Amino acid sequence: MKDICAPKERRYGMTIELLFIEFGFLFTRLFVKTRITPNQITLLWGILLIFSSVLFIFDNLWLHVAGAIGWIVACAMDNTDGQVARYKKMFSKRGLFLDKLNHSLTYPLLFFCIGLGQYMVSGEIYSLIFGFMAGTFMMLSLICEPLYALAMGDSPKEMDRATAPTVFKKRLRSISPLFDRNLFLLILVATILDLVLKFELLWMGSFLEALLPVYAIGFLIGFLTKAGMIYKMLDKPSD
């Protein structure tokens, strides 16, 4: 089953990503025995991401931890839908669309909710601004590669691992805290630290709040770098 659902060529990346793939396979073992479709799994983890993001709005540290755990579970299930699709041989363009839609909607929503939640607790407008910046520039970064594929006339299905922007992403994925798997683990660590430690620095009163300017600036740099890289690629003659 594992050779079909998660063949070796699909188990790319560094240790953290491989852990998420293995975690997702636990859900795959369950879902392949049911009538649930890959698209329904995609909808399920998308709903979980939205619900988990909203938990960060509330002034409750335990809800923040639950939201961070929800994101990790949903990201594991992000692997599950593809694994079930390969096992049941149920591929569709709708599935690809739902997957991309989930990422484009929920990833920015996470930072919007964190920023809003921290603003409601501290009253500092900086948290709201940095949360908005992080969500916005992450969203812009996410749409860079679909825009590249559209400009080049490439198939969206082949886009993720065939384009140079993805090569750039792979070079950073093992060390960059901006890469999604590292990012969500770091948010979980921050929420746990907020439960057990007191943190104050400048206007920031929590570890979670301290992550916002880091991601706001980081995603801004990442977006500008990726957009510039794509722009240069479009000037090159095709083979």
C-alpha atoms as a PDB file:
ATOM      1  CA  MET A   1       0.000   0.000   0.000  1.00  0.00           C
ATOM      2  CA  LYS A   2       2.749   2.443   0.892  1.00  0.00           C
ATOM      3  CA  ASP A   3       4.590   1.829  -2.380  1.00  0.00           C
ATOM      4  CA  ILE A   4       1.417   2.852  -4.223  1.00  0.00           C
ATOM      5  CA  CYS A   5       0.304   5.729  -1.983  1.00  0.00           C
ATOM      6  CA  ALA A   6       3.696   7.238  -1.233  1.00  0.00           C
ATOM      7  CA  PRO A   7       6.300   5.894  -3.686  1.00  0.00           C
ATOM      8  CA  LYS A   8       9.929   6.789  -3.130  1.00  0.00           C
ATOM      9  CA  GLU A   9       9.914   9.456  -5.833  1.00  0.00           C
ATOM     10  CA  ARG A  10       7.139  11.259  -3.926  1.00  0.00           C
ATOM     11  CA  ARG A  11       9.031  11.149  -0.635  1.00  0.00           C
ATOM     12  CA  TYR A  12      11.241  14.085  -1.483  1.00  0.00           C
ATOM     13  CA  GLY A  13      12.666  16.733   0.835  1.00  0.00           C
ATOM     14  CA  MET A  14      14.353  16.781   4.190  1.00  0.00           C
ATOM     15  CA  THR A  15      13.502  15.052   7.466  1.00  0.00           C
ATOM     16  CA  ILE A  16      10.712  17.408   8.570  1.00  0.00           C
ATOM     17  CA  GLU A  17       8.784  17.007   5.337  1.00  0.00           C
ATOM     18  CA  LEU A  18       9.269  13.254   5.395  1.00  0.00           C
ATOM     19  CA  LEU A  19       7.803  13.195   8.909  1.00  0.00           C
ATOM     20  CA  PHE A  20       4.665  14.930   7.628  1.00  0.00           C
ATOM     21  CA  ILE A  21       4.416  12.445   4.762  1.00  0.00           C
ATOM     22  CA  GLU A  22       4.666   9.534   7.213  1.00  0.00           C
ATOM     23  CA  PHE A  23       2.128  11.195   9.519  1.00  0.00           C
ATOM     24  CA  GLY A  24      -0.235  11.660   6.600  1.00  0.00           C
ATOM     25  CA  PHE A  25       0.081   7.983   5.719  1.00  0.00           C
ATOM     26  CA  LEU A  26      -1.530   7.118   9.076  1.00  0.00           C
ATOM     27  CA  PHE A  27      -4.702   8.848   7.870  1.00  0.00           C
ATOM     28  CA  THR A  28      -4.309   7.213   4.462  1.00  0.00           C
ATOM     29  CA  ARG A  29      -4.511   3.748   6.010  1.00  0.00           C
ATOM     30  CA  LEU A  30      -7.855   4.761   7.487  1.00  0.00           C
ATOM     31  CA  PHE A  31      -9.377   6.514   4.469  1.00  0.00           C
ATOM     32  CA  VAL A  32      -8.505   3.907   1.829  1.00  0.00           C
ATOM     33  CA  LYS A  33     -10.857   1.518   3.618  1.00  0.00           C
ATOM     34  CA  THR A  34     -13.789   3.913   3.274  1.00  0.00           C
ATOM     35  CA  ARG A  35     -15.775   5.443   0.408  1.00  0.00           C
ATOM     36  CA  ILE A  36     -14.406   8.909   1.101  1.00  0.00           C
ATOM     37  CA  THR A  37     -12.896  10.503  -1.990  1.00  0.00           C
ATOM     38  CA  PRO A  38      -9.612  12.424  -2.257  1.00  0.00           C
ATOM     39  CA  ASN A  39     -11.565  15.637  -2.937  1.00  0.00           C
ATOM     40  CA  GLN A  40     -13.579  15.119   0.247  1.00  0.00           C
ATOM     41  CA  ILE A  41     -10.331  14.701   2.174  1.00  0.00           C
ATOM     42  CA  THR A  42      -9.084  17.958   0.658  1.00  0.00           C
ATOM     43  CA  LEU A  43     -12.246  19.723   1.786  1.00  0.00           C
ATOM     44  CA  LEU A  44     -11.877  18.185   5.242  1.00  0.00           C
ATOM     45  CA  TRP A  45      -8.351  19.445   5.865  1.00  0.00           C
ATOM     46  CA  GLY A  46      -9.256  22.806   4.357  1.00  0.00           C
ATOM     47  CA  ILE A  47     -12.102  23.206   6.859  1.00  0.00           C
ATOM     48  CA  LEU A  48      -9.768  22.115   9.654  1.00  0.00           C
ATOM     49  CA  LEU A  49      -7.252  24.799   8.635  1.00  0.00           C
ATOM     50  CA  ILE A  50      -9.933  27.502   8.712  1.00  0.00           C
ATOM     51  CA  PHE A  51     -11.237  26.369  12.108  1.00  0.00           C
ATOM     52  CA  SER A  52      -7.709  26.095  13.540  1.00  0.00           C
ATOM     53  CA  SER A  53      -6.820  29.582  12.276  1.00  0.00           C
ATOM     54  CA  VAL A  54      -9.871  31.150  13.927  1.00  0.00           C
ATOM     55  CA  LEU A  55      -8.768  29.735  17.306  1.00  0.00           C
ATOM     56  CA  PHE A  56      -5.847  32.194  17.323  1.00  0.00           C
ATOM     57  CA  ILE A  57      -8.254  35.130  17.542  1.00  0.00           C
ATOM     58  CA  PHE A  58      -9.305  34.232  21.086  1.00  0.00           C
ATOM     59  CA  ASP A  59      -7.374  35.263  24.188  1.00  0.00           C
ATOM     60  CA  ASN A  60      -6.785  31.706  25.358  1.00  0.00           C
ATOM     61  CA  LEU A  61      -3.355  30.069  25.202  1.00  0.00           C
ATOM     62  CA  TRP A  62      -4.798  26.556  25.186  1.00  0.00           C
ATOM     63  CA  LEU A  63      -6.852  27.420  22.110  1.00  0.00           C
ATOM     64  CA  HIS A  64      -3.658  28.680  20.467  1.00  0.00           C
ATOM     65  CA  VAL A  65      -1.980  25.334  21.133  1.00  0.00           C
ATOM     66  CA  ALA A  66      -5.048  23.530  19.774  1.00  0.00           C
ATOM     67  CA  GLY A  67      -4.962  25.720  16.670  1.00  0.00           C
ATOM     68  CA  ALA A  68      -1.275  24.966  16.092  1.00  0.00           C
ATOM     69  CA  ILE A  69      -1.883  21.221  16.501  1.00  0.00           C
ATOM     70  CA  GLY A  70      -4.847  21.459  14.141  1.00  0.00           C
ATOM     71  CA  TRP A  71      -2.605  23.004  11.505  1.00  0.00           C
ATOM     72  CA  ILE A  72      -0.042  20.228  11.827  1.00  0.00           C
ATOM     73  CA  VAL A  73      -2.722  17.532  11.531  1.00  0.00           C
ATOM     74  CA  ALA A  74      -4.245  19.280   8.498  1.00  0.00           C
ATOM     75  CA  CYS A  75      -0.838  19.610   6.829  1.00  0.00           C
ATOM     76  CA  ALA A  76      -0.322  15.877   7.285  1.00  0.00           C
ATOM     77  CA  MET A  77      -3.719  15.277   5.678  1.00  0.00           C
ATOM     78  CA  ASP A  78      -2.571  17.503   2.816  1.00  0.00           C
ATOM     79  CA  ASN A  79      -0.411  14.508   1.872  1.00  0.00           C
ATOM     80  CA  THR A  80      -3.237  12.058   2.509  1.00  0.00           C
ATOM     81  CA  ASP A  81      -5.533  13.196  -0.299  1.00  0.00           C
ATOM     82  CA  GLY A  82      -2.835  12.606  -2.906  1.00  0.00           C
ATOM     83  CA  GLN A  83      -1.921   9.250  -1.396  1.00  0.00           C
ATOM     84  CA  VAL A  84      -5.540   8.097  -1.456  1.00  0.00           C
ATOM     85  CA  ALA A  85      -5.912   9.389  -5.028  1.00  0.00           C
ATOM     86  CA  ARG A  86      -2.946   7.281  -6.146  1.00  0.00           C
ATOM     87  CA  TYR A  87      -4.263   4.184  -4.362  1.00  0.00           C
ATOM     88  CA  LYS A  88      -7.835   4.505  -5.676  1.00  0.00           C
ATOM     89  CA  LYS A  89      -6.715   5.945  -9.029  1.00  0.00           C
ATOM     90  CA  MET A  90      -9.059   8.904  -8.575  1.00  0.00           C
ATOM     91  CA  PHE A  91      -7.384  11.951 -10.139  1.00  0.00           C
ATOM     92  CA  SER A  92      -9.191  15.121 -11.134  1.00  0.00           C
ATOM     93  CA  LYS A  93      -8.571  18.756 -11.975  1.00  0.00           C
ATOM     94  CA  ARG A  94     -11.097  19.623  -9.285  1.00  0.00           C
ATOM     95  CA  GLY A  95      -8.824  18.040  -6.729  1.00  0.00           C
ATOM     96  CA  LEU A  96      -5.875  20.131  -7.867  1.00  0.00           C
ATOM     97  CA  PHE A  97      -8.049  23.255  -7.803  1.00  0.00           C
ATOM     98  CA  LEU A  98      -9.318  22.542  -4.277  1.00  0.00           C
ATOM     99  CA  ASP A  99      -5.783  21.906  -3.041  1.00  0.00           C
ATOM    100  CA  LYS A 100      -4.462  25.198  -4.440  1.00  0.00           C
ATOM    101  CA  LEU A 101      -7.536  27.050  -3.196  1.00  0.00           C
ATOM    102  CA  ASN A 102      -7.039  25.698   0.317  1.00  0.00           C
ATOM    103  CA  HIS A 103      -3.445  26.891   0.444  1.00  0.00           C
ATOM    104  CA  SER A 104      -4.190  30.280  -1.067  1.00  0.00           C
ATOM    105  CA  LEU A 105      -7.020  30.924   1.404  1.00  0.00           C
ATOM    106  CA  THR A 106      -5.901  29.356   4.665  1.00  0.00           C
ATOM    107  CA  TYR A 107      -2.187  30.171   4.801  1.00  0.00           C
ATOM    108  CA  PRO A 108      -2.777  33.950   4.726  1.00  0.00           C
ATOM    109  CA  LEU A 109      -5.822  33.518   7.000  1.00  0.00           C
ATOM    110  CA  LEU A 110      -3.580  32.036   9.690  1.00  0.00           C
ATOM    111  CA  PHE A 111      -1.493  35.200   9.950  1.00  0.00           C
ATOM    112  CA  PHE A 112      -4.507  37.488   9.687  1.00  0.00           C
ATOM    113  CA  CYS A 113      -6.038  35.669  12.660  1.00  0.00           C
ATOM    114  CA  ILE A 114      -2.819  35.651  14.696  1.00  0.00           C
ATOM    115  CA  GLY A 115      -2.339  39.370  14.063  1.00  0.00           C
ATOM    116  CA  LEU A 116      -5.953  40.162  14.962  1.00  0.00           C
ATOM    117  CA  GLY A 117      -5.818  38.015  18.084  1.00  0.00           C
ATOM    118  CA  GLN A 118      -2.597  39.568  19.349  1.00  0.00           C
ATOM    119  CA  TYR A 119      -3.947  43.043  18.619  1.00  0.00           C
ATOM    120  CA  MET A 120      -7.101  42.348  20.632  1.00  0.00           C
ATOM    121  CA  VAL A 121      -4.953  41.214  23.584  1.00  0.00           C
ATOM    122  CA  SER A 122      -2.261  43.906  23.566  1.00  0.00           C
ATOM    123  CA  GLY A 123      -4.019  46.733  21.752  1.00  0.00           C
ATOM    124  CA  GLU A 124      -0.831  47.343  19.758  1.00  0.00           C
ATOM    125  CA  ILE A 125      -1.571  48.216  16.145  1.00  0.00           C
ATOM    126  CA  TYR A 126       1.822  46.803  15.134  1.00  0.00           C
ATOM    127  CA  SER A 127       0.559  43.255  15.625  1.00  0.00           C
ATOM    128  CA  LEU A 128      -2.356  43.888  13.295  1.00  0.00           C
ATOM    129  CA  ILE A 129      -0.070  45.464  10.684  1.00  0.00           C
ATOM    130  CA  PHE A 130       2.538  42.689  10.798  1.00  0.00           C
ATOM    131  CA  GLY A 131      -0.160  40.010  10.709  1.00  0.00           C
ATOM    132  CA  PHE A 132      -1.691  41.634   7.640  1.00  0.00           C
ATOM    133  CA  MET A 133       1.714  41.988   5.992  1.00  0.00           C
ATOM    134  CA  ALA A 134       2.672  38.373   6.670  1.00  0.00           C
ATOM    135  CA  GLY A 135      -0.620  37.042   5.301  1.00  0.00           C
ATOM    136  CA  THR A 136      -0.588  39.305   2.253  1.00  0.00           C
ATOM    137  CA  PHE A 137       2.983  38.634   1.157  1.00  0.00           C
ATOM    138  CA  MET A 138       2.601  34.921   1.790  1.00  0.00           C
ATOM    139  CA  MET A 139      -0.468  34.946  -0.463  1.00  0.00           C
ATOM    140  CA  LEU A 140       1.414  36.860  -3.164  1.00  0.00           C
ATOM    141  CA  SER A 141       4.268  34.377  -2.915  1.00  0.00           C
ATOM    142  CA  LEU A 142       1.838  31.472  -3.318  1.00  0.00           C
ATOM    143  CA  ILE A 143       0.374  32.816  -6.562  1.00  0.00           C
ATOM    144  CA  CYS A 144       3.772  33.470  -8.171  1.00  0.00           C
ATOM    145  CA  GLU A 145       4.201  29.948  -9.506  1.00  0.00           C
ATOM    146  CA  PRO A 146       0.666  29.624 -10.958  1.00  0.00           C
ATOM    147  CA  LEU A 147       1.236  32.943 -12.710  1.00  0.00           C
ATOM    148  CA  TYR A 148       4.555  31.636 -14.018  1.00  0.00           C
ATOM    149  CA  ALA A 149       2.892  28.471 -15.323  1.00  0.00           C
ATOM    150  CA  LEU A 150       0.191  30.561 -16.977  1.00  0.00           C
ATOM    151  CA  ALA A 151       2.743  32.826 -18.654  1.00  0.00           C
ATOM    152  CA  MET A 152       4.792  29.855 -19.871  1.00  0.00           C
ATOM    153  CA  GLY A 153       1.764  27.802 -20.900  1.00  0.00           C
ATOM    154  CA  ASP A 154       2.837  24.951 -18.607  1.00  0.00           C
ATOM    155  CA  SER A 155       0.500  22.401 -17.120  1.00  0.00           C
ATOM    156  CA  PRO A 156      -0.388  23.367 -13.527  1.00  0.00           C
ATOM    157  CA  LYS A 157       0.001  19.709 -12.552  1.00  0.00           C
ATOM    158  CA  GLU A 158       3.671  19.747 -13.538  1.00  0.00           C
ATOM    159  CA  MET A 159       4.324  23.212 -12.160  1.00  0.00           C
ATOM    160  CA  ASP A 160       5.188  22.357  -8.566  1.00  0.00           C
ATOM    161  CA  ARG A 161       8.352  20.382  -9.209  1.00  0.00           C
ATOM    162  CA  ALA A 162       9.315  21.448 -12.713  1.00  0.00           C
ATOM    163  CA  THR A 163       9.892  25.191 -12.333  1.00  0.00           C
ATOM    164  CA  ALA A 164      12.960  27.064 -11.208  1.00  0.00           C
ATOM    165  CA  PRO A 165      11.049  28.906  -8.470  1.00  0.00           C
ATOM    166  CA  THR A 166      10.480  25.513  -6.876  1.00  0.00           C
ATOM    167  CA  VAL A 167      14.210  24.810  -7.089  1.00  0.00           C
ATOM    168  CA  PHE A 168      14.691  28.000  -5.112  1.00  0.00           C
ATOM    169  CA  LYS A 169      12.133  26.767  -2.601  1.00  0.00           C
ATOM    170  CA  LYS A 170      13.823  23.366  -2.256  1.00  0.00           C
ATOM    171  CA  ARG A 171      17.171  24.981  -1.502  1.00  0.00           C
ATOM    172  CA  LEU A 172      15.665  26.751   1.501  1.00  0.00           C
ATOM    173  CA  ARG A 173      13.118  24.219   2.711  1.00  0.00           C
ATOM    174  CA  SER A 174      15.504  22.368   5.063  1.00  0.00           C
ATOM    175  CA  ILE A 175      16.761  25.455   6.928  1.00  0.00           C
ATOM    176  CA  SER A 176      14.278  28.257   6.410  1.00  0.00           C
ATOM    177  CA  PRO A 177      11.685  28.846   9.167  1.00  0.00           C
ATOM    178  CA  LEU A 178       9.513  30.337   6.401  1.00  0.00           C
ATOM    179  CA  PHE A 179       9.003  26.956   4.751  1.00  0.00           C
ATOM    180  CA  ASP A 180       5.506  25.788   5.644  1.00  0.00           C
ATOM    181  CA  ARG A 181       6.319  22.618   7.605  1.00  0.00           C
ATOM    182  CA  ASN A 182       9.023  24.355   9.657  1.00  0.00           C
ATOM    183  CA  LEU A 183       6.718  27.335  10.041  1.00  0.00           C
ATOM    184  CA  PHE A 184       3.876  25.380  11.620  1.00  0.00           C
ATOM    185  CA  LEU A 185       6.169  23.517  13.978  1.00  0.00           C
ATOM    186  CA  LEU A 186       7.670  26.839  15.043  1.00  0.00           C
ATOM    187  CA  ILE A 187       4.200  28.257  15.712  1.00  0.00           C
ATOM    188  CA  LEU A 188       3.404  25.223  17.867  1.00  0.00           C
ATOM    189  CA  VAL A 189       6.636  25.742  19.830  1.00  0.00           C
ATOM    190  CA  ALA A 190       5.755  29.424  20.300  1.00  0.00           C
ATOM    191  CA  THR A 191       2.279  28.609  21.643  1.00  0.00           C
ATOM    192  CA  ILE A 192       3.705  26.070  24.096  1.00  0.00           C
ATOM    193  CA  LEU A 193       6.345  28.546  25.282  1.00  0.00           C
ATOM    194  CA  ASP A 194       3.610  31.127  25.815  1.00  0.00           C
ATOM    195  CA  LEU A 195       1.926  28.655  28.166  1.00  0.00           C
ATOM    196  CA  VAL A 196       4.954  28.108  30.375  1.00  0.00           C
ATOM    197  CA  LEU A 197       7.078  31.260  30.074  1.00  0.00           C
ATOM    198  CA  LYS A 198       6.630  35.000  30.410  1.00  0.00           C
ATOM    199  CA  PHE A 199       7.899  36.965  27.428  1.00  0.00           C
ATOM    200  CA  GLU A 200       8.148  40.713  26.935  1.00  0.00           C
ATOM    201  CA  LEU A 201      10.178  42.567  24.303  1.00  0.00           C
ATOM    202  CA  LEU A 202       9.359  46.078  23.123  1.00  0.00           C
ATOM    203  CA  TRP A 203       5.604  46.036  22.454  1.00  0.00           C
ATOM    204  CA  MET A 204       5.499  42.245  22.165  1.00  0.00           C
ATOM    205  CA  GLY A 205       4.095  40.269  25.061  1.00  0.00           C
ATOM    206  CA  SER A 206       4.234  36.722  23.678  1.00  0.00           C
ATOM    207  CA  PHE A 207       6.410  34.443  21.589  1.00  0.00           C
ATOM    208  CA  LEU A 208       3.572  34.140  19.083  1.00  0.00           C
ATOM    209  CA  GLU A 209       3.425  37.915  18.703  1.00  0.00           C
ATOM    210  CA  ALA A 210       7.204  38.042  18.262  1.00  0.00           C
ATOM    211  CA  LEU A 211       6.927  35.770  15.218  1.00  0.00           C
ATOM    212  CA  LEU A 212       4.731  38.237  13.319  1.00  0.00           C
ATOM    213  CA  PRO A 213       7.421  40.809  12.335  1.00  0.00           C
ATOM    214  CA  VAL A 214       9.781  37.949  11.460  1.00  0.00           C
ATOM    215  CA  TYR A 215       7.296  36.455   9.018  1.00  0.00           C
ATOM    216  CA  ALA A 216       6.096  39.822   7.720  1.00  0.00           C
ATOM    217  CA  ILE A 217       9.621  40.804   6.702  1.00  0.00           C
ATOM    218  CA  GLY A 218      10.575  37.274   5.675  1.00  0.00           C
ATOM    219  CA  PHE A 219       7.600  36.793   3.361  1.00  0.00           C
ATOM    220  CA  LEU A 220       8.153  40.237   1.869  1.00  0.00           C
ATOM    221  CA  ILE A 221      11.743  39.309   1.006  1.00  0.00           C
ATOM    222  CA  GLY A 222      10.662  35.882  -0.198  1.00  0.00           C
ATOM    223  CA  PHE A 223       7.968  37.309  -2.458  1.00  0.00           C
ATOM    224  CA  LEU A 224      10.283  39.903  -3.994  1.00  0.00           C
ATOM    225  CA  THR A 225      12.985  37.274  -4.530  1.00  0.00           C
ATOM    226  CA  LYS A 226      10.630  34.747  -6.139  1.00  0.00           C
ATOM    227  CA  ALA A 227       8.902  37.373  -8.288  1.00  0.00           C
ATOM    228  CA  GLY A 228      12.261  38.692  -9.483  1.00  0.00           C
ATOM    229  CA  MET A 229      13.469  35.178 -10.238  1.00  0.00           C
ATOM    230  CA  ILE A 230      10.357  34.407 -12.277  1.00  0.00           C
ATOM    231  CA  TYR A 231      10.584  37.707 -14.141  1.00  0.00           C
ATOM    232  CA  LYS A 232      14.155  36.895 -15.223  1.00  0.00           C
ATOM    233  CA  MET A 233      13.131  33.400 -16.310  1.00  0.00           C
ATOM    234  CA  LEU A 234      10.429  34.754 -18.570  1.00  0.00           C
ATOM    235  CA  ASP A 235      13.072  36.684 -20.531  1.00  0.00           C
ATOM    236  CA  LYS A 236      14.986  33.505 -21.340  1.00  0.00           C
ATOM    237  CA  PRO A 237      14.295  31.700 -24.646  1.00  0.00           C
ATOM    238  CA  SER A 238      12.633  28.340 -24.215  1.00  0.00           C
ATOM    239  CA  ASP A 239      14.499  25.164 -25.180  1.00  0.00           C
END
